[in-house]
Amino acid sequence: MLRGNHEQMLLDALKPSVDSNKYLLWMRTGGEFTLLGYLKRAGENCDNPYSIMRARLSSFIPKNHIEFLENLDWYYENGNDIFVHAGCDPMQSLLKQDKQVLIWDRSFI
């Protein structure tokens, strides 16, 4: 498993210093369903995940899940192949790749 845009959006949503628009992007692209799943797992009855204060998100997501996401690799190299979630700039060395390109970009496909 590699880190992708949805994993990064969740990690960003957990950081209070990150722009609230990033939180809303995560919520509107599947995050609300992810949050509902975590709420249900925690025994919380909630019909509207938007009613949960953002500062409380990390209390519903197990720390080992967060640590798992934080430790996902950005890419995987196997012999002559490189695997990423989204794109890879062929003009840059693998170590110099922009992480945003690896998880979001589709222009190098």
Protein backbone atom coordinates (compact mmCIF):
# COMPACT_ATOMS: atom_id res chain seq x y z
CA MET A 1 0.00 0.00 0.00
CA LEU A 2 1.23 3.48 -0.88
CA ARG A 3 0.31 6.89 0.41
CA GLY A 4 -2.23 8.54 -1.83
CA ASN A 5 -4.23 11.73 -1.86
CA HIS A 6 -7.03 10.42 0.37
CA GLU A 7 -4.60 9.19 3.01
CA GLN A 8 -2.82 12.54 2.93
CA MET A 9 -6.10 14.45 3.11
CA LEU A 10 -7.06 12.53 6.25
CA LEU A 11 -3.68 13.24 7.84
CA ASP A 12 -4.01 16.92 6.92
CA ALA A 13 -7.54 17.06 8.36
CA LEU A 14 -6.15 15.93 11.71
CA LYS A 15 -3.73 18.86 11.91
CA PRO A 16 -5.33 21.96 13.45
CA SER A 17 -2.76 24.20 11.73
CA VAL A 18 -3.83 23.05 8.25
CA ASP A 19 -6.22 25.23 6.28
CA SER A 20 -9.88 24.31 6.92
CA ASN A 21 -10.42 24.11 3.16
CA LYS A 22 -8.24 20.98 3.16
CA TYR A 23 -10.46 19.52 5.85
CA LEU A 24 -13.56 20.27 3.77
CA LEU A 25 -11.92 18.77 0.69
CA TRP A 26 -11.30 15.54 2.61
CA MET A 27 -14.88 15.51 3.96
CA ARG A 28 -16.39 16.10 0.51
CA THR A 29 -14.30 13.41 -1.21
CA GLY A 30 -15.18 10.47 0.99
CA GLY A 31 -13.97 11.68 4.37
CA GLU A 32 -17.48 12.04 5.73
CA PHE A 33 -18.07 8.31 5.15
CA THR A 34 -14.71 7.45 6.67
CA LEU A 35 -15.54 9.59 9.70
CA LEU A 36 -18.99 7.99 10.02
CA GLY A 37 -17.30 4.58 10.05
CA TYR A 38 -14.92 5.62 12.78
CA LEU A 39 -17.76 7.18 14.79
CA LYS A 40 -19.80 3.99 14.54
CA ARG A 41 -16.77 1.94 15.57
CA ALA A 42 -16.34 4.23 18.60
CA GLY A 43 -19.99 3.74 19.56
CA GLU A 44 -21.00 7.30 18.65
CA ASN A 45 -24.43 7.77 17.12
CA CYS A 46 -24.10 10.56 14.59
CA ASP A 47 -26.21 11.31 11.52
CA ASN A 48 -24.21 14.35 10.46
CA PRO A 49 -20.42 13.97 10.48
CA TYR A 50 -20.10 17.71 9.79
CA SER A 51 -21.42 18.31 13.32
CA ILE A 52 -18.27 16.77 14.80
CA MET A 53 -15.74 19.42 15.75
CA ARG A 54 -12.59 19.05 13.72
CA ALA A 55 -10.47 19.17 16.89
CA ARG A 56 -12.15 15.93 18.02
CA LEU A 57 -11.29 13.88 14.90
CA SER A 58 -8.22 12.24 16.36
CA SER A 59 -10.21 11.01 19.35
CA PHE A 60 -12.25 8.75 17.06
CA ILE A 61 -9.43 7.44 14.87
CA PRO A 62 -7.22 4.84 16.55
CA LYS A 63 -3.61 5.96 16.95
CA ASN A 64 -2.36 2.82 15.23
CA HIS A 65 -4.44 3.74 12.14
CA ILE A 66 -2.92 7.22 12.08
CA GLU A 67 0.59 5.81 12.55
CA PHE A 68 -0.03 3.33 9.74
CA LEU A 69 -1.01 6.14 7.36
CA GLU A 70 1.88 8.35 8.45
CA ASN A 71 4.33 5.56 7.70
CA LEU A 72 3.08 4.66 4.24
CA ASP A 73 5.70 4.96 1.54
CA TRP A 74 5.33 7.62 -1.14
CA TYR A 75 6.60 5.21 -3.80
CA TYR A 76 7.80 1.66 -4.29
CA GLU A 77 10.72 0.66 -6.48
CA ASN A 78 11.08 -2.86 -7.86
CA GLY A 79 13.91 -3.42 -10.28
CA ASN A 80 13.09 -1.29 -13.32
CA ASP A 81 9.64 -0.26 -12.11
CA ILE A 82 8.49 2.59 -9.89
CA PHE A 83 5.02 2.54 -8.39
CA VAL A 84 3.27 5.69 -7.14
CA HIS A 85 -0.32 6.60 -6.39
CA ALA A 86 -0.66 9.26 -9.08
CA GLY A 87 2.17 10.69 -11.16
CA CYS A 88 5.92 10.90 -11.35
CA ASP A 89 7.97 13.57 -13.09
CA PRO A 90 10.25 11.69 -15.52
CA MET A 91 12.66 14.64 -15.55
CA GLN A 92 13.35 14.43 -11.78
CA SER A 93 15.24 11.81 -9.86
CA LEU A 94 13.05 9.71 -7.61
CA LEU A 95 14.50 11.27 -4.47
CA LYS A 96 13.70 14.78 -5.72
CA GLN A 97 10.06 14.10 -6.63
CA ASP A 98 7.50 16.52 -5.25
CA LYS A 99 5.26 14.56 -2.87
CA GLN A 100 2.20 16.37 -4.22
CA VAL A 101 3.00 15.08 -7.71
CA LEU A 102 3.29 11.53 -6.38
CA ILE A 103 -0.15 11.61 -4.76
CA TRP A 104 -2.14 13.97 -7.01
CA ASP A 105 -0.68 14.58 -10.45
CA ARG A 106 -1.94 12.79 -13.53
CA SER A 107 -0.09 14.81 -16.19
CA PHE A 108 2.92 12.46 -16.37
CA ILE A 109 0.89 9.31 -17.08
